[in-house]
Amino acid sequence: MSAQPVHQHSADMPRVPRTIGGISNALRGGRRAQFFAELLEAQQGPELDGVLTAWWGRAMLDTDPHRDRIQAAAEAGTLPTTTMDDIARRRKECTTP
């Protein structure tokens, strides 16, 4: 299993822009209304930033081209998994000269 992204997007051009409009356009179904409800209740500053960050993550998941396949595999118990120990070992191998 690779940690490389399947679809290349640059930091300058993410799949979902980190804007209110970008997030709301990417959300599926009733999630958009939930987003706006939380957005309208948030105070400017860290609280608003937290709402935008959380919903941006959800919007990224909603726009993942493999979302439905991954969700079905997770529900069926066939989604490949790894342990934190394996991740730590791989990271160490990548950084060891």
N, C-alpha and C. Protein backbone atom coordinates (compact mmCIF):
# COMPACT_ATOMS: atom_id res chain seq x y z
N MET A 1 0.85 -1.17 0.00
CA MET A 1 0.00 0.00 0.00
C MET A 1 0.90 1.23 0.00
N SER A 2 0.54 2.24 -0.76
CA SER A 2 1.34 3.45 -0.90
C SER A 2 0.66 4.63 -0.22
N ALA A 3 1.46 5.55 0.25
CA ALA A 3 0.93 6.76 0.86
C ALA A 3 0.81 7.88 -0.17
N GLN A 4 1.15 7.60 -1.41
CA GLN A 4 1.06 8.61 -2.44
C GLN A 4 -0.40 8.83 -2.84
N PRO A 5 -0.80 10.09 -3.06
CA PRO A 5 -2.18 10.35 -3.45
C PRO A 5 -2.46 9.78 -4.83
N VAL A 6 -3.68 9.30 -5.01
CA VAL A 6 -4.09 8.75 -6.29
C VAL A 6 -4.28 9.87 -7.31
N HIS A 7 -4.88 10.96 -6.87
CA HIS A 7 -5.13 12.10 -7.74
C HIS A 7 -4.25 13.25 -7.27
N GLN A 8 -3.44 13.74 -8.17
CA GLN A 8 -2.51 14.81 -7.81
C GLN A 8 -3.20 16.16 -7.78
N HIS A 9 -3.10 16.85 -6.68
CA HIS A 9 -3.59 18.22 -6.53
C HIS A 9 -2.49 18.97 -5.81
N SER A 10 -2.21 20.16 -6.25
CA SER A 10 -1.17 20.94 -5.60
C SER A 10 -1.76 21.68 -4.40
N ALA A 11 -0.88 22.14 -3.54
CA ALA A 11 -1.33 22.92 -2.38
C ALA A 11 -1.98 24.22 -2.84
N ASP A 12 -1.55 24.71 -4.02
CA ASP A 12 -2.12 25.94 -4.56
C ASP A 12 -3.49 25.71 -5.19
N MET A 13 -3.78 24.47 -5.58
CA MET A 13 -5.03 24.17 -6.28
C MET A 13 -5.65 22.89 -5.71
N PRO A 14 -6.16 22.95 -4.47
CA PRO A 14 -6.75 21.74 -3.89
C PRO A 14 -8.05 21.38 -4.60
N ARG A 15 -8.45 20.13 -4.44
CA ARG A 15 -9.71 19.65 -5.04
C ARG A 15 -10.89 20.48 -4.56
N VAL A 16 -10.87 20.86 -3.28
CA VAL A 16 -11.91 21.71 -2.69
C VAL A 16 -11.23 22.97 -2.14
N PRO A 17 -11.56 24.13 -2.67
CA PRO A 17 -10.98 25.36 -2.12
C PRO A 17 -11.38 25.55 -0.65
N ARG A 18 -10.47 26.06 0.15
CA ARG A 18 -10.75 26.29 1.58
C ARG A 18 -11.49 27.61 1.75
N THR A 19 -12.64 27.69 1.10
CA THR A 19 -13.50 28.86 1.20
C THR A 19 -14.91 28.40 1.54
N ILE A 20 -15.74 29.30 2.02
CA ILE A 20 -17.12 28.95 2.32
C ILE A 20 -17.81 28.43 1.08
N GLY A 21 -17.63 29.12 -0.05
CA GLY A 21 -18.24 28.69 -1.30
C GLY A 21 -17.71 27.36 -1.79
N GLY A 22 -16.40 27.18 -1.71
CA GLY A 22 -15.80 25.93 -2.15
C GLY A 22 -16.29 24.74 -1.34
N ILE A 23 -16.36 24.93 -0.04
CA ILE A 23 -16.82 23.87 0.85
C ILE A 23 -18.29 23.57 0.60
N SER A 24 -19.12 24.59 0.54
CA SER A 24 -20.56 24.36 0.37
C SER A 24 -20.87 23.71 -0.98
N ASN A 25 -20.13 24.06 -2.02
CA ASN A 25 -20.34 23.46 -3.33
C ASN A 25 -19.95 21.98 -3.36
N ALA A 26 -19.02 21.58 -2.52
CA ALA A 26 -18.53 20.21 -2.53
C ALA A 26 -19.34 19.26 -1.67
N LEU A 27 -20.11 19.78 -0.72
CA LEU A 27 -20.83 18.92 0.21
C LEU A 27 -22.03 18.25 -0.45
N ARG A 28 -22.28 17.01 -0.06
CA ARG A 28 -23.40 16.24 -0.60
C ARG A 28 -24.66 16.47 0.24
N GLY A 29 -25.79 16.49 -0.43
CA GLY A 29 -27.11 16.48 0.22
C GLY A 29 -27.30 17.47 1.34
N GLY A 30 -27.89 16.98 2.43
CA GLY A 30 -28.23 17.81 3.57
C GLY A 30 -27.03 18.29 4.36
N ARG A 31 -25.86 17.80 4.02
CA ARG A 31 -24.66 18.24 4.74
C ARG A 31 -24.40 19.72 4.53
N ARG A 32 -24.81 20.24 3.39
CA ARG A 32 -24.61 21.67 3.11
C ARG A 32 -25.40 22.51 4.12
N ALA A 33 -26.63 22.13 4.41
CA ALA A 33 -27.45 22.86 5.38
C ALA A 33 -26.82 22.78 6.77
N GLN A 34 -26.30 21.61 7.13
CA GLN A 34 -25.61 21.45 8.41
C GLN A 34 -24.41 22.38 8.50
N PHE A 35 -23.65 22.44 7.41
CA PHE A 35 -22.47 23.31 7.34
C PHE A 35 -22.86 24.76 7.59
N PHE A 36 -23.89 25.23 6.88
CA PHE A 36 -24.30 26.62 7.05
C PHE A 36 -24.84 26.89 8.45
N ALA A 37 -25.53 25.93 9.04
CA ALA A 37 -26.05 26.11 10.40
C ALA A 37 -24.89 26.31 11.38
N GLU A 38 -23.86 25.47 11.27
CA GLU A 38 -22.70 25.61 12.16
C GLU A 38 -21.93 26.88 11.85
N LEU A 39 -21.81 27.21 10.58
CA LEU A 39 -21.09 28.40 10.16
C LEU A 39 -21.74 29.66 10.73
N LEU A 40 -23.08 29.72 10.68
CA LEU A 40 -23.79 30.91 11.16
C LEU A 40 -23.73 31.08 12.67
N GLU A 41 -23.47 29.98 13.39
CA GLU A 41 -23.39 30.05 14.85
C GLU A 41 -21.98 30.33 15.36
N ALA A 42 -20.99 30.14 14.51
CA ALA A 42 -19.59 30.28 14.95
C ALA A 42 -19.20 31.75 15.07
N GLN A 43 -18.40 32.01 16.10
CA GLN A 43 -17.86 33.35 16.28
C GLN A 43 -16.59 33.48 15.47
N GLN A 44 -16.34 34.69 14.99
CA GLN A 44 -15.14 34.95 14.22
C GLN A 44 -13.91 34.62 15.06
N GLY A 45 -12.92 34.02 14.45
CA GLY A 45 -11.70 33.64 15.15
C GLY A 45 -11.53 32.13 15.16
N PRO A 46 -10.97 31.59 16.24
CA PRO A 46 -10.69 30.16 16.29
C PRO A 46 -11.92 29.27 16.11
N GLU A 47 -13.06 29.70 16.62
CA GLU A 47 -14.27 28.89 16.47
C GLU A 47 -14.68 28.77 15.00
N LEU A 48 -14.69 29.87 14.30
CA LEU A 48 -15.02 29.87 12.88
C LEU A 48 -13.98 29.09 12.08
N ASP A 49 -12.72 29.28 12.42
CA ASP A 49 -11.66 28.53 11.75
C ASP A 49 -11.85 27.03 11.94
N GLY A 50 -12.25 26.64 13.15
CA GLY A 50 -12.48 25.22 13.44
C GLY A 50 -13.62 24.65 12.62
N VAL A 51 -14.70 25.40 12.47
CA VAL A 51 -15.83 24.96 11.65
C VAL A 51 -15.39 24.78 10.20
N LEU A 52 -14.67 25.76 9.68
CA LEU A 52 -14.22 25.68 8.29
C LEU A 52 -13.26 24.50 8.08
N THR A 53 -12.36 24.29 9.01
CA THR A 53 -11.41 23.18 8.89
C THR A 53 -12.12 21.84 8.93
N ALA A 54 -13.04 21.66 9.88
CA ALA A 54 -13.76 20.39 9.99
C ALA A 54 -14.59 20.12 8.74
N TRP A 55 -15.29 21.13 8.26
CA TRP A 55 -16.15 20.93 7.09
C TRP A 55 -15.35 20.83 5.81
N TRP A 56 -14.19 21.45 5.74
CA TRP A 56 -13.34 21.28 4.57
C TRP A 56 -12.92 19.81 4.45
N GLY A 57 -12.57 19.20 5.58
CA GLY A 57 -12.22 17.79 5.57
C GLY A 57 -13.38 16.93 5.09
N ARG A 58 -14.57 17.22 5.55
CA ARG A 58 -15.76 16.46 5.11
C ARG A 58 -16.01 16.68 3.61
N ALA A 59 -15.80 17.91 3.15
CA ALA A 59 -15.99 18.21 1.72
C ALA A 59 -14.96 17.46 0.88
N MET A 60 -13.74 17.36 1.37
CA MET A 60 -12.72 16.59 0.65
C MET A 60 -13.14 15.13 0.54
N LEU A 61 -13.70 14.59 1.61
CA LEU A 61 -14.17 13.20 1.56
C LEU A 61 -15.35 13.06 0.60
N ASP A 62 -16.26 14.03 0.61
CA ASP A 62 -17.43 13.97 -0.27
C ASP A 62 -17.03 14.03 -1.75
N THR A 63 -15.91 14.67 -2.06
CA THR A 63 -15.50 14.81 -3.46
C THR A 63 -14.45 13.78 -3.88
N ASP A 64 -14.08 12.88 -2.98
CA ASP A 64 -13.11 11.85 -3.33
C ASP A 64 -13.71 10.96 -4.41
N PRO A 65 -13.04 10.83 -5.55
CA PRO A 65 -13.61 10.03 -6.64
C PRO A 65 -13.79 8.55 -6.28
N HIS A 66 -13.10 8.09 -5.25
CA HIS A 66 -13.19 6.69 -4.84
C HIS A 66 -14.02 6.51 -3.58
N ARG A 67 -14.71 7.56 -3.16
CA ARG A 67 -15.44 7.56 -1.89
C ARG A 67 -16.41 6.39 -1.76
N ASP A 68 -17.24 6.18 -2.75
CA ASP A 68 -18.26 5.13 -2.66
C ASP A 68 -17.63 3.74 -2.58
N ARG A 69 -16.58 3.50 -3.36
CA ARG A 69 -15.89 2.21 -3.33
C ARG A 69 -15.22 1.98 -1.98
N ILE A 70 -14.58 3.01 -1.44
CA ILE A 70 -13.91 2.90 -0.15
C ILE A 70 -14.92 2.69 0.96
N GLN A 71 -16.02 3.42 0.93
CA GLN A 71 -17.06 3.26 1.95
C GLN A 71 -17.64 1.85 1.90
N ALA A 72 -17.91 1.33 0.70
CA ALA A 72 -18.46 -0.01 0.57
C ALA A 72 -17.49 -1.05 1.11
N ALA A 73 -16.19 -0.88 0.82
CA ALA A 73 -15.18 -1.82 1.32
C ALA A 73 -15.09 -1.74 2.85
N ALA A 74 -15.19 -0.54 3.40
CA ALA A 74 -15.14 -0.39 4.85
C ALA A 74 -16.33 -1.07 5.51
N GLU A 75 -17.51 -0.87 4.93
CA GLU A 75 -18.71 -1.50 5.48
C GLU A 75 -18.69 -3.02 5.34
N ALA A 76 -18.04 -3.51 4.29
CA ALA A 76 -17.95 -4.96 4.06
C ALA A 76 -16.81 -5.59 4.86
N GLY A 77 -15.97 -4.76 5.47
CA GLY A 77 -14.84 -5.28 6.24
C GLY A 77 -13.67 -5.72 5.35
N THR A 78 -13.63 -5.23 4.12
CA THR A 78 -12.56 -5.63 3.20
C THR A 78 -11.58 -4.49 2.90
N LEU A 79 -11.72 -3.39 3.58
CA LEU A 79 -10.83 -2.25 3.36
C LEU A 79 -9.46 -2.58 3.96
N PRO A 80 -8.39 -2.46 3.16
CA PRO A 80 -7.06 -2.73 3.71
C PRO A 80 -6.74 -1.77 4.85
N THR A 81 -6.16 -2.29 5.89
CA THR A 81 -5.79 -1.47 7.05
C THR A 81 -4.32 -1.69 7.38
N THR A 82 -3.81 -0.86 8.24
CA THR A 82 -2.44 -0.99 8.73
C THR A 82 -2.40 -0.56 10.18
N THR A 83 -1.34 -0.90 10.86
CA THR A 83 -1.20 -0.52 12.27
C THR A 83 -0.32 0.71 12.39
N MET A 84 -0.40 1.39 13.52
CA MET A 84 0.47 2.53 13.76
C MET A 84 1.93 2.09 13.81
N ASP A 85 2.19 0.89 14.31
CA ASP A 85 3.56 0.37 14.33
C ASP A 85 4.11 0.24 12.91
N ASP A 86 3.29 -0.27 11.98
CA ASP A 86 3.73 -0.38 10.59
C ASP A 86 3.99 1.00 9.98
N ILE A 87 3.14 1.95 10.28
CA ILE A 87 3.32 3.30 9.76
C ILE A 87 4.62 3.90 10.30
N ALA A 88 4.86 3.75 11.59
CA ALA A 88 6.08 4.28 12.20
C ALA A 88 7.31 3.61 11.59
N ARG A 89 7.24 2.29 11.37
CA ARG A 89 8.37 1.57 10.77
C ARG A 89 8.64 2.08 9.37
N ARG A 90 7.59 2.27 8.57
CA ARG A 90 7.75 2.76 7.20
C ARG A 90 8.33 4.17 7.17
N ARG A 91 7.84 5.00 8.07
CA ARG A 91 8.37 6.38 8.14
C ARG A 91 9.84 6.37 8.49
N LYS A 92 10.22 5.50 9.41
CA LYS A 92 11.62 5.40 9.83
C LYS A 92 12.46 4.92 8.67
N GLU A 93 11.97 3.93 7.92
CA GLU A 93 12.70 3.42 6.76
C GLU A 93 12.90 4.50 5.71
N CYS A 94 11.91 5.38 5.54
CA CYS A 94 12.01 6.45 4.54
C CYS A 94 13.01 7.53 4.95
N THR A 95 13.21 7.71 6.24
CA THR A 95 14.08 8.77 6.70
C THR A 95 15.47 8.27 7.06
N THR A 96 15.67 6.97 7.09
CA THR A 96 16.98 6.42 7.41
C THR A 96 17.83 6.38 6.14
N PRO A 97 19.04 7.01 6.20
CA PRO A 97 19.89 7.04 4.99
C PRO A 97 20.45 5.70 4.64
